[in-house]
Every structure is written in C-alpha cells, then in structure tokens.
Amino acid sequence: MLSDRFGRSIDYLRLSVTDRCDLRCTYCIPKGFKGFEEPKHWLTFDEIERLLSVFARLGTSRIRMTGGEPLLRRNLPELAGRIARLPGIRDLSLSTNATRLDRHAEALKAAGVSRINVSLDSLDRGCMEKITGRDSLGQILDGIMAGKAAGFDPIKINMVAMRGINDGEIDSMVEFCIEHGFILRLIETMPMGATGRDTGFLDLGPIQSRLSQKFGLRPQAAELGGGPARYLATEDGKASVGFITPMSQHFCATCNRVRLSVDGTLYLCLGQEEKFEFRPLLRGGASDAELEAAIRTAIELKPQKHEFREAPAKIVRLMSQTGG
C-alpha cells in the first residue's frame, strides 16, 4: 500500500482527462481565460493506462475521472473501460457537469463507471446562467436524469454554497435530491486562483445545524465513497446530505487522495505547490520499476495540510488546471 510520511494511506487518485470545460463557473475558470494545456501535452490513453496500472499495483484502488469537463475528452467510455479492467481497481467514478451526459451515460455505465458526481449549484435557470456563463440548467437536468435511467448509483449532486448567490436555495436543493433519490453534497468555496478568492465564502457549520433540525438528519456511519464529505441521513436512511468543509473544518489528517492532471503532473495537495511530473518519464522510456519508484518519491512530497486559511493567495493555479 502507498502511504505518505504522515502515515496516511493513499488509495484514491483523481484523474483529469482534460482541463477544458464548456461552462465558465464563476469560482472555477475566469471569464475569457485561454491558458489551456496543448493537446499534444495531454497524456494519451495508453500512457494513462500504463501509469494507473502501476498505481493500482501499489494499492490505489479508487479512480475518479475529472476535468475540466471530462466528457469533452473524445472516446471517454473507451478509456473508462480500460481503467475498469485494470487489476486492483475496484471503484471507477466520474465527476461531470452533465451537459453532455445524456449522450454518454449508457456507454459509460457499460464501460464500468459505477457512480457519478454532478455539479449543480442552483435549480433556478437565471442563477445557473449567472454562475456557469450560459443557459445550462436544462441540459444539466437532462443529463442527470439520463444518468439515473442508465443505472448509476449513487448519483451525488455537488452544490458549491456561495454567500449571496445560491445560499437561499439550499433547502430546495435538499428537497430535490430527496425526491429523486440523489445524495446532496454541499461544498465550501476554496481560494484557488482569483476566481476562488472572489467567491463569497459560506461557513457550512450553521447550515448543517439548521438542515439537521429541519429535515431530521442524523450522523451517518456508513461510508459513501472515498472522498472527504461528512454525511448526515434522514431517520429512515433513504436520504443523505454530505458536507465538504475544507475551510471551516478541514480534513487534511485523513486525506487519502492525489490528483493527476491531464499533462501528467501529479498534485499532492490542492492548497500547496508540491507536484511531480510523470510525462517526461512516460515519454522517456522509463520502466515500470522506475515508475513505481517515482510514485513512491512523489507520495513522500505530500504535505501535512493545506494553508487556505493562513495563505489564501498562495495558490494561483485554477481548479480546472489541477483536476477537480
């Protein structure tokens, strides 16, 4: 098993397959941004499969495909199938904005993707247009329902809670998710780049207390994936709400994940600069033994914690460049 110098087991890799996106969410990509990675620098499917096979041999068992928007990467179901067949991989999931999910849901499910997370910050058409930069709500809802029809389970709805923007819609989002059998995850904004720092931060602590009283939510012991969310559930266990609180109550002590960007850069923490470049090794003829040694070296770089509170201006790279 991979473990870092602080004794944390690293069994979860978030794989960015593209840094491009068809939306421009205000907290993620600045309006007019054009600094995307050149496609010739993207890892190929063969390179991704090879590197992930080495990670799997070292104990990485959970893979999440992310972006940017991963469904912009051509032939993504093919890549999903190749990853799902790797020995040692027991959980393959996808994070998406769902604008294209209605076209690809069945193929992704057949390829081995078992569950999906969908970004949905509002159920109000005008608010979503303001957040995403275009009239996107209809496409997103169509994609979510296509995912449900394809049999993805669970479907998690990720709502970034923003003061003065969508904080008045949290209750209605809980009700929507309960109605459709989705798991809602509320997420605090992080100061990633100027866009993240300029977004109104909302402490989820008071929100959690209020929702617990209104919907009768209780702490949920069962694990719902390998991520950092803390979950509450209704008394009948049929509905869950998760809270991801990197700012008000960070989860660094139990962090089990690293992020591989589309260009082969392994980022060890969202809030620190430590990274390791794998593309030169993959394209320079490195053996599997050398890749394994490089992975172990990279994991040793993983810092103890982020510094979003102490140094909010430290990270200038965008979330889409890091991998969601």
Protein backbone atom coordinates (compact mmCIF):
# COMPACT_ATOMS: atom_id res chain seq x y z
CA MET A 1 0.00 0.00 0.00
CA LEU A 2 1.07 3.58 -0.65
CA SER A 3 1.40 5.69 2.46
CA ASP A 4 2.92 9.13 2.96
CA ARG A 5 5.34 10.33 5.62
CA PHE A 6 2.44 11.20 7.90
CA GLY A 7 1.06 7.66 7.87
CA ARG A 8 -1.90 8.32 5.57
CA SER A 9 -2.81 5.56 3.11
CA ILE A 10 -3.14 6.91 -0.43
CA ASP A 11 -5.65 4.75 -2.27
CA TYR A 12 -7.60 7.34 -4.26
CA LEU A 13 -6.47 9.05 -7.48
CA ARG A 14 -8.42 11.76 -9.23
CA LEU A 15 -7.57 11.65 -12.94
CA SER A 16 -8.10 14.77 -15.01
CA VAL A 17 -8.65 13.82 -18.66
CA THR A 18 -8.91 17.42 -19.89
CA ASP A 19 -8.52 20.92 -18.47
CA ARG A 20 -11.19 22.29 -20.83
CA CYS A 21 -14.81 22.91 -19.96
CA ASP A 22 -17.93 24.02 -21.80
CA LEU A 23 -19.03 26.12 -18.79
CA ARG A 24 -17.35 29.04 -17.06
CA CYS A 25 -18.38 28.70 -13.44
CA THR A 26 -17.52 31.88 -11.57
CA TYR A 27 -15.50 30.08 -8.87
CA CYS A 28 -13.51 27.92 -11.30
CA ILE A 29 -12.45 29.45 -14.62
CA PRO A 30 -12.13 33.22 -15.17
CA LYS A 31 -14.18 34.74 -17.96
CA GLY A 32 -12.08 34.97 -21.12
CA PHE A 33 -9.44 32.52 -19.86
CA LYS A 34 -7.49 30.90 -22.70
CA GLY A 35 -4.49 29.36 -20.96
CA PHE A 36 -5.45 25.73 -21.56
CA GLU A 37 -2.88 22.98 -21.97
CA GLU A 38 -1.91 22.00 -25.52
CA PRO A 39 -3.46 18.65 -26.57
CA LYS A 40 -0.03 17.33 -27.55
CA HIS A 41 0.88 17.57 -23.87
CA TRP A 42 -2.15 15.56 -22.73
CA LEU A 43 -1.40 12.05 -21.60
CA THR A 44 -2.62 9.54 -24.18
CA PHE A 45 -4.96 6.71 -23.24
CA ASP A 46 -2.01 4.30 -23.43
CA GLU A 47 0.07 6.48 -21.10
CA ILE A 48 -2.82 6.86 -18.65
CA GLU A 49 -3.50 3.12 -18.62
CA ARG A 50 0.15 2.29 -18.05
CA LEU A 51 0.64 4.78 -15.22
CA LEU A 52 -2.61 3.83 -13.50
CA SER A 53 -1.69 0.15 -13.70
CA VAL A 54 1.42 0.92 -11.66
CA PHE A 55 -0.60 2.97 -9.17
CA ALA A 56 -3.02 0.03 -8.87
CA ARG A 57 -0.20 -2.41 -8.14
CA LEU A 58 0.83 -0.10 -5.31
CA GLY A 59 -2.64 -0.18 -3.76
CA THR A 60 -4.54 2.64 -5.46
CA SER A 61 -7.99 1.14 -5.86
CA ARG A 62 -10.25 4.15 -6.43
CA ILE A 63 -10.13 6.23 -9.61
CA ARG A 64 -12.31 9.25 -10.35
CA MET A 65 -12.25 10.77 -13.85
CA THR A 66 -12.45 14.55 -13.70
CA GLY A 67 -11.61 17.66 -15.70
CA GLY A 68 -12.32 20.42 -16.67
CA GLU A 69 -15.33 18.63 -18.03
CA PRO A 70 -14.25 15.03 -18.71
CA LEU A 71 -16.96 14.39 -21.30
CA LEU A 72 -15.17 16.82 -23.61
CA ARG A 73 -12.42 14.20 -23.99
CA ARG A 74 -13.11 12.12 -27.08
CA ASN A 75 -13.86 8.41 -26.60
CA LEU A 76 -14.02 8.67 -22.82
CA PRO A 77 -16.03 5.41 -22.48
CA GLU A 78 -13.10 3.61 -24.13
CA LEU A 79 -10.71 4.98 -21.52
CA ALA A 80 -13.17 4.13 -18.75
CA GLY A 81 -13.29 0.52 -19.92
CA ARG A 82 -9.51 0.26 -19.97
CA ILE A 83 -9.25 1.64 -16.44
CA ALA A 84 -12.07 -0.52 -15.10
CA ARG A 85 -10.33 -3.66 -16.35
CA LEU A 86 -7.04 -2.92 -14.57
CA PRO A 87 -6.29 -5.44 -11.80
CA GLY A 88 -6.72 -3.79 -8.41
CA ILE A 89 -9.17 -1.08 -9.48
CA ARG A 90 -12.39 -1.64 -7.54
CA ASP A 91 -14.12 1.72 -7.90
CA LEU A 92 -14.32 3.89 -11.02
CA SER A 93 -16.40 7.06 -10.87
CA LEU A 94 -16.92 10.28 -12.82
CA SER A 95 -17.32 13.95 -11.92
CA THR A 96 -19.20 15.89 -14.59
CA ASN A 97 -21.29 18.99 -15.19
CA ALA A 98 -23.72 16.65 -17.05
CA THR A 99 -24.27 18.93 -20.04
CA ARG A 100 -23.27 16.03 -22.31
CA LEU A 101 -24.18 13.13 -20.06
CA ASP A 102 -27.42 12.27 -21.87
CA ARG A 103 -25.32 11.24 -24.90
CA HIS A 104 -22.78 9.15 -22.99
CA ALA A 105 -24.48 7.78 -19.86
CA GLU A 106 -25.26 4.29 -21.15
CA ALA A 107 -21.83 3.81 -22.74
CA LEU A 108 -20.05 4.94 -19.56
CA LYS A 109 -22.15 2.61 -17.41
CA ALA A 110 -21.42 -0.30 -19.74
CA ALA A 111 -17.70 0.55 -19.64
CA GLY A 112 -17.54 0.16 -15.87
CA VAL A 113 -18.27 3.57 -14.35
CA SER A 114 -20.42 2.78 -11.33
CA ARG A 115 -21.32 6.18 -9.94
CA ILE A 116 -21.27 9.85 -10.84
CA ASN A 117 -21.00 13.22 -9.16
CA VAL A 118 -22.74 16.10 -10.90
CA SER A 119 -22.07 19.80 -10.33
CA LEU A 120 -25.38 21.60 -9.86
CA ASP A 121 -25.29 24.84 -7.89
CA SER A 122 -28.87 26.01 -8.40
CA LEU A 123 -32.27 24.91 -9.64
CA ASP A 124 -33.02 28.43 -10.83
CA ARG A 125 -32.36 28.91 -14.54
CA GLY A 126 -31.25 32.53 -14.20
CA CYS A 127 -28.95 31.79 -11.28
CA MET A 128 -27.32 28.90 -13.15
CA GLU A 129 -26.77 31.11 -16.17
CA LYS A 130 -25.09 33.67 -13.93
CA ILE A 131 -22.87 31.03 -12.31
CA THR A 132 -21.97 28.96 -15.40
CA GLY A 133 -21.88 31.68 -18.04
CA ARG A 134 -24.66 30.26 -20.20
CA ASP A 135 -28.18 28.87 -20.11
CA SER A 136 -27.19 25.40 -18.90
CA LEU A 137 -29.80 24.17 -16.41
CA GLY A 138 -31.97 22.27 -18.91
CA GLN A 139 -29.02 20.32 -20.33
CA ILE A 140 -27.72 19.51 -16.86
CA LEU A 141 -31.08 18.20 -15.63
CA ASP A 142 -31.48 16.11 -18.80
CA GLY A 143 -28.03 14.65 -18.20
CA ILE A 144 -28.76 13.84 -14.57
CA MET A 145 -31.97 12.05 -15.46
CA ALA A 146 -30.18 10.14 -18.23
CA GLY A 147 -27.64 9.04 -15.64
CA LYS A 148 -30.42 7.87 -13.36
CA ALA A 149 -32.07 5.95 -16.21
CA ALA A 150 -28.71 4.33 -17.06
CA GLY A 151 -28.50 2.92 -13.54
CA PHE A 152 -25.74 4.96 -11.91
CA ASP A 153 -25.96 4.53 -8.16
CA PRO A 154 -25.38 6.61 -6.22
CA ILE A 155 -25.73 9.91 -8.03
CA LYS A 156 -24.25 12.69 -5.95
CA ILE A 157 -25.15 16.32 -6.56
CA ASN A 158 -22.31 18.73 -5.75
CA MET A 159 -23.52 22.20 -4.78
CA VAL A 160 -20.90 24.85 -4.09
CA ALA A 161 -22.52 27.04 -1.44
CA MET A 162 -21.89 30.74 -2.13
CA ARG A 163 -22.95 33.60 0.07
CA GLY A 164 -25.28 36.00 -1.70
CA ILE A 165 -25.57 33.80 -4.79
CA ASN A 166 -27.27 30.48 -4.04
CA ASP A 167 -27.37 30.28 -0.25
CA GLY A 168 -31.13 30.83 -0.33
CA GLU A 169 -31.65 27.69 -2.43
CA ILE A 170 -30.02 25.09 -0.21
CA ASP A 171 -33.30 23.84 1.28
CA SER A 172 -34.92 23.44 -2.13
CA MET A 173 -31.87 21.51 -3.35
CA VAL A 174 -32.18 19.15 -0.37
CA GLU A 175 -35.84 18.58 -1.24
CA PHE A 176 -35.00 17.99 -4.92
CA CYS A 177 -32.39 15.38 -4.03
CA ILE A 178 -34.68 13.63 -1.56
CA GLU A 179 -37.42 13.49 -4.20
CA HIS A 180 -35.16 11.86 -6.80
CA GLY A 181 -33.05 9.67 -4.53
CA PHE A 182 -29.84 11.65 -5.06
CA ILE A 183 -27.19 12.40 -2.43
CA LEU A 184 -26.58 16.12 -1.97
CA ARG A 185 -23.09 17.33 -1.09
CA LEU A 186 -22.64 20.93 -0.01
CA ILE A 187 -19.15 22.30 -0.62
CA GLU A 188 -17.35 25.33 0.79
CA THR A 189 -15.51 27.51 -1.70
CA MET A 190 -11.71 27.39 -1.68
CA PRO A 191 -9.30 30.23 -2.58
CA MET A 192 -7.97 28.54 -5.72
CA GLY A 193 -6.89 31.36 -8.03
CA ALA A 194 -8.50 34.79 -8.12
CA THR A 195 -11.88 33.32 -9.06
CA GLY A 196 -12.00 31.18 -5.92
CA ARG A 197 -10.89 34.04 -3.68
CA ASP A 198 -13.51 36.38 -5.14
CA THR A 199 -16.41 33.99 -4.46
CA GLY A 200 -18.46 34.67 -1.32
CA PHE A 201 -17.44 32.12 1.32
CA LEU A 202 -20.20 30.43 3.30
CA ASP A 203 -19.41 28.53 6.51
CA LEU A 204 -21.36 25.28 6.33
CA GLY A 205 -21.39 24.72 10.10
CA PRO A 206 -24.56 26.74 10.78
CA ILE A 207 -26.15 25.35 7.60
CA GLN A 208 -25.55 21.80 8.82
CA SER A 209 -27.21 22.56 12.16
CA ARG A 210 -30.24 24.14 10.51
CA LEU A 211 -30.73 21.36 7.97
CA SER A 212 -30.38 18.74 10.69
CA GLN A 213 -33.29 20.25 12.57
CA LYS A 214 -35.50 20.88 9.55
CA PHE A 215 -35.04 17.51 7.84
CA GLY A 216 -34.35 15.33 10.87
CA LEU A 217 -30.81 14.49 9.80
CA ARG A 218 -28.54 12.35 11.95
CA PRO A 219 -24.84 11.39 11.63
CA GLN A 220 -24.35 8.57 9.14
CA ALA A 221 -21.77 5.94 9.95
CA ALA A 222 -21.70 4.16 6.61
CA GLU A 223 -19.03 5.29 4.13
CA LEU A 224 -20.33 6.82 0.91
CA GLY A 225 -17.20 6.76 -1.24
CA GLY A 226 -13.58 7.63 -0.66
CA GLY A 227 -13.96 11.39 -0.50
CA PRO A 228 -13.88 13.88 2.37
CA ALA A 229 -17.60 14.51 2.91
CA ARG A 230 -19.17 14.04 6.34
CA TYR A 231 -22.68 12.69 5.89
CA LEU A 232 -25.98 13.08 7.71
CA ALA A 233 -29.02 10.96 6.87
CA THR A 234 -32.74 11.01 7.45
CA GLU A 235 -34.03 8.68 10.15
CA ASP A 236 -35.31 6.20 7.58
CA GLY A 237 -31.90 6.18 5.89
CA LYS A 238 -33.38 6.96 2.48
CA ALA A 239 -31.75 10.37 2.03
CA SER A 240 -28.27 11.73 2.80
CA VAL A 241 -26.62 15.14 2.81
CA GLY A 242 -22.85 15.49 2.82
CA PHE A 243 -20.75 18.46 3.91
CA ILE A 244 -17.31 19.15 2.44
CA THR A 245 -15.65 21.76 4.63
CA PRO A 246 -12.04 22.40 3.59
CA MET A 247 -12.13 25.84 5.20
CA SER A 248 -14.22 25.68 8.37
CA GLN A 249 -13.31 22.11 9.38
CA HIS A 250 -10.51 20.74 7.21
CA PHE A 251 -9.97 17.00 6.71
CA CYS A 252 -6.22 17.00 5.98
CA ALA A 253 -5.42 14.42 8.67
CA THR A 254 -7.37 11.77 6.77
CA CYS A 255 -6.60 12.85 3.20
CA ASN A 256 -6.22 9.74 1.05
CA ARG A 257 -6.02 11.26 -2.44
CA VAL A 258 -3.76 12.78 -5.06
CA ARG A 259 -4.59 14.41 -8.39
CA LEU A 260 -3.13 13.62 -11.79
CA SER A 261 -3.60 16.48 -14.26
CA VAL A 262 -4.16 15.99 -17.97
CA ASP A 263 -0.49 16.76 -18.72
CA GLY A 264 0.81 14.11 -16.32
CA THR A 265 1.54 16.35 -13.34
CA LEU A 266 0.72 14.74 -10.00
CA TYR A 267 -0.50 17.34 -7.50
CA LEU A 268 -0.19 16.21 -3.91
CA CYS A 269 -2.47 18.86 -2.34
CA LEU A 270 -4.95 21.43 -3.61
CA GLY A 271 -3.57 24.08 -1.27
CA GLN A 272 0.17 23.53 -1.75
CA GLU A 273 2.61 23.62 -4.64
CA GLU A 274 4.20 20.17 -4.28
CA LYS A 275 3.98 18.26 -7.56
CA PHE A 276 5.72 15.58 -9.62
CA GLU A 277 5.98 15.39 -13.42
CA PHE A 278 5.27 11.95 -14.89
CA ARG A 279 5.02 12.83 -18.60
CA PRO A 280 8.82 13.05 -19.08
CA LEU A 281 9.20 9.58 -17.57
CA LEU A 282 6.40 8.07 -19.65
CA ARG A 283 7.77 9.55 -22.87
CA GLY A 284 11.41 8.97 -21.97
CA GLY A 285 11.31 5.18 -21.82
CA ALA A 286 11.04 4.68 -18.05
CA SER A 287 10.50 1.09 -16.93
CA ASP A 288 7.59 0.05 -14.70
CA ALA A 289 10.06 -0.30 -11.82
CA GLU A 290 11.21 3.28 -12.40
CA LEU A 291 7.59 4.49 -12.50
CA GLU A 292 6.89 2.67 -9.24
CA ALA A 293 9.91 4.31 -7.60
CA ALA A 294 8.81 7.71 -8.94
CA ILE A 295 5.32 7.26 -7.50
CA ARG A 296 6.76 6.45 -4.09
CA THR A 297 9.02 9.51 -4.31
CA ALA A 298 6.07 11.70 -5.29
CA ILE A 299 3.89 10.50 -2.42
CA GLU A 300 6.65 11.48 0.01
CA LEU A 301 6.15 15.07 -1.16
CA LYS A 302 2.54 15.17 0.07
CA PRO A 303 2.31 17.97 2.67
CA GLN A 304 0.67 17.59 6.05
CA LYS A 305 -2.07 20.15 5.33
CA HIS A 306 -3.18 22.98 3.10
CA GLU A 307 -2.83 26.65 4.04
CA PHE A 308 -6.03 28.09 2.60
CA ARG A 309 -6.69 29.96 5.85
CA GLU A 310 -3.12 31.05 6.55
CA ALA A 311 -2.15 31.95 2.96
CA PRO A 312 -5.31 32.33 0.84
CA ALA A 313 -3.41 33.96 -2.05
CA LYS A 314 -0.77 31.24 -2.24
CA ILE A 315 -2.33 29.10 -5.00
CA VAL A 316 -2.65 30.90 -8.33
CA ARG A 317 -3.45 27.85 -10.47
CA LEU A 318 -7.10 27.18 -11.23
CA MET A 319 -9.08 24.14 -10.13
CA SER A 320 -9.53 23.13 -13.78
CA GLN A 321 -5.74 23.10 -14.23
CA THR A 322 -5.23 20.94 -11.16
CA GLY A 323 -8.04 18.46 -11.77
CA GLY A 324 -11.35 18.68 -9.94
